[in-house]
Amino acid sequence: VRSTWMTATVVAVAFALLALGIGLALGRRLSRPVLDVAAAAGQVAGGRFDVRVAVRRHDEVGQMADAFNAMARDLGDYRDRIVEETRIRTNLSRYLSPDVVEDVVSRKTDLVLGGQRREVSVLFADVASFTPFAEGFPPEVVVGVLNELFSIATEAVFRHGGTVDKFIGDCVMAVFGAPAVLEDHTVRAVRAADEIRRQVAAANERWRVDPGRDIQLSMGVHTGVVVAGNIGSQRRMEYTVIGDAVN
C-alpha cells in the first residue's frame, strides 16, 4: 500500500508539474501577442502611428492584431489629412474669407486653372501721397503702418464676405461676388469700404502721434462683369479677376 501511495504521489506530482509547464507555455503563447498589442497601443497613444504588430497567428488574437494595424494606419492617414487641411486653411485664410476657405478645403470649390464670367464688385483702397510718406519716415515705420493698415482692410473685407485679391505696393484690392456668389456684392463692398474708412480714421488718432502723420486713403468701388478664376500654372496659381471692370 505504501509503495502504491508513493508511486501515485510521484505520478501525481509529475503530472501536476507537466500541466503547470504546459499551462505556462500556452499562457505565454497567448499573452505575448496581447502584450505586444498593448505596448503598441501605448506608442500610438503617444502619437506614433507608424507602429505595427507582427501577425504570427490566424486565430482571434491574430485578427485582433490585424485590426490594430488597420486602426493605426487609418489614424496615421487621418492625422496627415488633418495636417494638410490645416496647412491649406492657414494659407488660404490669408486671402479668402472663412466660408470660401471651407469650400476649398472640403473640395466644393476645385483649384483648377480657368475662369468664368461673373458680375462682381471690386474695391480698391490706396494710400494717398504714399511716396512722400515713404521718403519721410524710416522703412520700418512705413512697413509697420502699412501692415496695420492692410490688417484693418483685410478684416473689414472678410467681415462682409469679400476676398482679398492682392496687395499692390500701398494698395489693397478686394473682390465681392467671387469665388463665392453674393447677390448683394455691391452693398457689401460699399459697407466694407465705409468700415475701412472709419477704422482708419480711428487709427489716425494714434498714427498722428507715432509716426506723426495722418494716413488718408483713396478708395473706389466698381461693379461690372469680369472673368474670375485661377490664373497661372499648375505649380503656382492665383485666384483673381480680370477685365475692363477691374481696370
Protein backbone atom coordinates (compact mmCIF):
# COMPACT_ATOMS: atom_id res chain seq x y z
CA VAL A 1 0.00 0.00 0.00
CA ARG A 2 2.81 2.36 0.98
CA SER A 3 4.58 1.62 -2.31
CA THR A 4 1.35 2.23 -4.24
CA TRP A 5 0.81 5.56 -2.45
CA MET A 6 4.35 6.63 -3.15
CA THR A 7 4.02 5.72 -6.81
CA ALA A 8 0.69 7.53 -7.07
CA THR A 9 2.13 10.62 -5.36
CA VAL A 10 5.14 10.73 -7.66
CA VAL A 11 2.94 10.29 -10.72
CA ALA A 12 0.53 13.00 -9.49
CA VAL A 13 3.35 15.46 -8.80
CA ALA A 14 4.88 14.69 -12.19
CA PHE A 15 1.59 15.26 -13.97
CA ALA A 16 1.00 18.46 -11.95
CA LEU A 17 4.40 19.84 -12.89
CA LEU A 18 3.81 18.83 -16.51
CA ALA A 19 0.39 20.52 -16.52
CA LEU A 20 1.90 23.64 -14.92
CA GLY A 21 4.65 23.77 -17.55
CA ILE A 22 2.18 23.31 -20.39
CA GLY A 23 -0.11 25.95 -18.88
CA LEU A 24 2.72 28.48 -18.56
CA ALA A 25 3.84 27.79 -22.12
CA LEU A 26 0.32 28.14 -23.51
CA GLY A 27 -0.30 31.25 -21.37
CA ARG A 28 2.90 32.85 -22.61
CA ARG A 29 1.98 31.98 -26.18
CA LEU A 30 -1.46 33.54 -25.73
CA SER A 31 -0.38 36.59 -23.75
CA ARG A 32 2.66 37.59 -25.82
CA PRO A 33 0.70 38.93 -28.83
CA VAL A 34 -1.80 40.60 -26.48
CA LEU A 35 1.05 42.29 -24.61
CA ASP A 36 2.57 43.30 -27.96
CA VAL A 37 -0.72 44.93 -28.95
CA ALA A 38 -0.94 46.67 -25.56
CA ALA A 39 2.61 48.02 -25.90
CA ALA A 40 1.92 49.20 -29.46
CA ALA A 41 -1.29 50.86 -28.29
CA GLY A 42 0.74 52.85 -25.79
CA GLN A 43 3.01 54.07 -28.59
CA VAL A 44 0.02 55.01 -30.73
CA ALA A 45 -1.41 56.96 -27.80
CA GLY A 46 1.87 58.86 -27.76
CA GLY A 47 1.47 59.87 -31.39
CA ARG A 48 3.47 57.15 -33.19
CA PHE A 49 1.03 55.94 -35.85
CA ASP A 50 3.69 54.02 -37.79
CA VAL A 51 3.81 51.24 -35.16
CA ARG A 52 2.73 47.80 -36.36
CA VAL A 53 2.23 44.50 -34.57
CA ALA A 54 3.66 41.35 -36.14
CA VAL A 55 0.86 38.93 -37.01
CA ARG A 56 2.08 35.39 -36.29
CA ARG A 57 -1.26 33.66 -35.86
CA HIS A 58 -4.55 33.28 -37.68
CA ASP A 59 -6.88 32.88 -34.73
CA GLU A 60 -8.79 35.53 -32.76
CA VAL A 61 -5.54 37.03 -31.44
CA GLY A 62 -4.23 37.36 -34.99
CA GLN A 63 -7.49 39.06 -36.03
CA MET A 64 -7.04 41.50 -33.14
CA ALA A 65 -3.50 42.30 -34.32
CA ASP A 66 -4.76 42.84 -37.88
CA ALA A 67 -7.49 45.16 -36.62
CA PHE A 68 -4.96 47.11 -34.55
CA ASN A 69 -2.64 47.55 -37.52
CA ALA A 70 -5.53 48.80 -39.66
CA MET A 71 -6.55 51.22 -36.90
CA ALA A 72 -3.01 52.61 -36.56
CA ARG A 73 -2.73 53.02 -40.34
CA ASP A 74 -6.09 54.83 -40.55
CA LEU A 75 -5.16 57.10 -37.65
CA GLY A 76 -1.90 58.00 -39.38
CA ASP A 77 -3.71 58.79 -42.63
CA TYR A 78 -6.28 60.85 -40.74
CA ARG A 79 -3.56 62.79 -38.96
CA ASP A 80 -1.77 63.50 -42.23
CA ARG A 81 -5.03 64.68 -43.78
CA ILE A 82 -5.74 66.97 -40.82
CA VAL A 83 -2.23 68.43 -41.03
CA GLU A 84 -2.61 69.06 -44.75
CA GLU A 85 -6.05 70.64 -44.36
CA THR A 86 -4.73 72.84 -41.56
CA ARG A 87 -1.88 73.97 -43.79
CA ILE A 88 -4.27 74.73 -46.63
CA ARG A 89 -6.65 76.61 -44.32
CA THR A 90 -3.78 78.66 -42.90
CA ASN A 91 -2.52 79.62 -46.36
CA LEU A 92 -5.93 80.36 -47.86
CA SER A 93 -7.24 82.27 -44.83
CA ARG A 94 -4.69 84.98 -45.59
CA TYR A 95 -6.60 85.83 -48.75
CA LEU A 96 -10.08 84.32 -48.61
CA SER A 97 -12.97 84.62 -46.20
CA PRO A 98 -13.56 81.67 -43.83
CA ASP A 99 -16.59 80.42 -45.82
CA VAL A 100 -14.61 80.26 -49.06
CA VAL A 101 -11.70 78.54 -47.33
CA GLU A 102 -14.05 75.86 -46.01
CA ASP A 103 -15.45 75.29 -49.52
CA VAL A 104 -11.95 74.86 -50.97
CA VAL A 105 -10.75 72.52 -48.21
CA SER A 106 -13.93 70.41 -48.40
CA ARG A 107 -13.41 70.30 -52.20
CA LYS A 108 -16.67 72.09 -53.00
CA THR A 109 -14.50 74.53 -54.96
CA ASP A 110 -11.83 72.97 -57.20
CA LEU A 111 -8.44 74.62 -57.59
CA VAL A 112 -8.08 74.34 -61.35
CA LEU A 113 -6.84 76.75 -63.99
CA GLY A 114 -9.50 78.66 -65.87
CA GLY A 115 -12.18 81.25 -65.30
CA GLN A 116 -15.80 82.17 -65.85
CA ARG A 117 -17.71 85.37 -66.47
CA ARG A 118 -19.33 86.81 -63.39
CA GLU A 119 -20.64 90.13 -62.15
CA VAL A 120 -18.68 91.29 -59.12
CA SER A 121 -17.83 94.42 -57.20
CA VAL A 122 -14.17 95.39 -56.92
CA LEU A 123 -12.82 97.53 -54.10
CA PHE A 124 -9.52 99.40 -54.28
CA ALA A 125 -8.02 101.20 -51.28
CA ASP A 126 -4.84 103.13 -51.92
CA VAL A 127 -2.73 105.26 -49.55
CA ALA A 128 -2.85 108.87 -50.71
CA SER A 129 0.53 110.62 -51.10
CA PHE A 130 2.38 107.45 -50.21
CA THR A 131 5.68 108.47 -51.83
CA PRO A 132 6.26 111.49 -49.55
CA PHE A 133 5.29 109.34 -46.57
CA ALA A 134 7.74 106.58 -47.56
CA GLU A 135 10.52 109.12 -48.15
CA GLY A 136 9.94 110.98 -44.89
CA PHE A 137 9.98 108.08 -42.44
CA PRO A 138 12.24 105.06 -41.80
CA PRO A 139 11.36 101.91 -43.78
CA GLU A 140 10.50 100.02 -40.57
CA VAL A 141 7.90 102.66 -39.66
CA VAL A 142 6.43 102.67 -43.16
CA VAL A 143 6.14 98.86 -43.22
CA GLY A 144 4.59 98.81 -39.74
CA VAL A 145 1.91 101.33 -40.73
CA LEU A 146 1.19 99.50 -43.99
CA ASN A 147 0.83 96.16 -42.21
CA GLU A 148 -1.59 97.65 -39.70
CA LEU A 149 -3.50 99.36 -42.49
CA PHE A 150 -3.74 96.16 -44.50
CA SER A 151 -4.89 94.28 -41.40
CA ILE A 152 -7.74 96.77 -40.96
CA ALA A 153 -8.72 96.41 -44.62
CA THR A 154 -8.49 92.61 -44.61
CA GLU A 155 -10.65 92.20 -41.53
CA ALA A 156 -13.29 94.57 -42.95
CA VAL A 157 -13.35 92.74 -46.28
CA PHE A 158 -13.67 89.35 -44.61
CA ARG A 159 -16.43 90.56 -42.29
CA HIS A 160 -18.53 91.49 -45.32
CA GLY A 161 -17.85 88.26 -47.23
CA GLY A 162 -15.26 89.55 -49.67
CA THR A 163 -11.93 88.18 -50.86
CA VAL A 164 -8.60 89.98 -50.68
CA ASP A 165 -7.34 89.62 -54.25
CA LYS A 166 -3.89 91.12 -53.78
CA PHE A 167 -1.73 93.80 -52.23
CA ILE A 168 -0.11 96.09 -54.76
CA GLY A 169 2.51 98.19 -53.02
CA ASP A 170 0.47 100.52 -50.82
CA CYS A 171 -2.85 99.40 -52.35
CA VAL A 172 -5.25 96.59 -51.45
CA MET A 173 -7.62 95.07 -53.98
CA ALA A 174 -10.69 93.14 -52.81
CA VAL A 175 -13.45 91.34 -54.71
CA PHE A 176 -17.05 90.74 -53.67
CA GLY A 177 -19.04 88.09 -55.52
CA ALA A 178 -16.21 85.74 -56.45
CA PRO A 179 -15.40 82.98 -55.84
CA ALA A 180 -18.43 82.88 -53.52
CA VAL A 181 -21.57 84.12 -55.26
CA LEU A 182 -23.11 87.09 -53.45
CA GLU A 183 -26.35 88.62 -54.65
CA ASP A 184 -25.70 91.84 -52.70
CA HIS A 185 -21.98 92.13 -53.56
CA THR A 186 -22.22 95.85 -54.31
CA VAL A 187 -23.76 96.67 -50.94
CA ARG A 188 -21.16 94.51 -49.18
CA ALA A 189 -18.30 96.25 -51.00
CA VAL A 190 -19.57 99.72 -50.07
CA ARG A 191 -20.10 98.70 -46.45
CA ALA A 192 -16.58 97.26 -46.29
CA ALA A 193 -15.18 100.49 -47.73
CA ASP A 194 -17.10 102.55 -45.18
CA GLU A 195 -15.84 100.35 -42.34
CA ILE A 196 -12.25 100.72 -43.57
CA ARG A 197 -12.72 104.50 -43.69
CA ARG A 198 -13.99 104.59 -40.10
CA GLN A 199 -11.29 102.25 -38.81
CA VAL A 200 -8.53 104.28 -40.46
CA ALA A 201 -9.98 107.49 -39.01
CA ALA A 202 -9.80 105.92 -35.54
CA ALA A 203 -6.25 104.66 -36.13
CA ASN A 204 -5.14 108.13 -37.23
CA GLU A 205 -5.50 109.32 -33.64
CA ARG A 206 -2.57 107.03 -32.83
CA TRP A 207 -0.65 107.50 -36.09
CA ARG A 208 -0.84 111.26 -35.60
CA VAL A 209 1.46 110.73 -32.61
CA ASP A 210 3.52 107.81 -33.93
CA PRO A 211 4.80 108.06 -36.64
CA GLY A 212 3.45 111.63 -36.60
CA ARG A 213 1.32 111.76 -39.75
CA ASP A 214 -2.29 111.09 -40.72
CA ILE A 215 -2.93 108.33 -43.25
CA GLN A 216 -5.55 109.07 -45.89
CA LEU A 217 -6.99 106.50 -48.27
CA SER A 218 -8.26 106.90 -51.81
CA MET A 219 -10.96 104.28 -52.26
CA GLY A 220 -13.11 103.23 -55.15
CA VAL A 221 -15.79 100.60 -55.73
CA HIS A 222 -16.84 99.45 -59.19
CA THR A 223 -19.35 96.81 -60.29
CA GLY A 224 -19.17 95.00 -63.60
CA VAL A 225 -18.69 91.73 -65.46
CA VAL A 226 -15.23 90.16 -65.14
CA VAL A 227 -13.52 86.84 -65.78
CA ALA A 228 -12.91 85.27 -62.38
CA GLY A 229 -10.72 82.21 -61.92
CA ASN A 230 -7.30 80.73 -61.27
CA ILE A 231 -4.58 82.29 -63.40
CA GLY A 232 -1.02 80.95 -63.64
CA SER A 233 0.31 77.40 -63.81
CA GLN A 234 -0.37 74.11 -62.09
CA ARG A 235 2.53 74.73 -59.70
CA ARG A 236 1.74 78.36 -58.94
CA MET A 237 -1.69 79.84 -59.47
CA GLU A 238 -3.54 82.88 -58.19
CA TYR A 239 -7.27 83.44 -57.94
CA THR A 240 -8.07 86.83 -59.40
CA VAL A 241 -10.50 88.79 -61.58
CA ILE A 242 -9.62 90.23 -64.98
CA GLY A 243 -11.47 92.62 -67.23
CA ASP A 244 -12.35 96.20 -68.07
CA ALA A 245 -14.46 96.46 -64.93
CA VAL A 246 -11.33 95.87 -62.85
CA ASN A 247 -9.28 98.37 -64.83
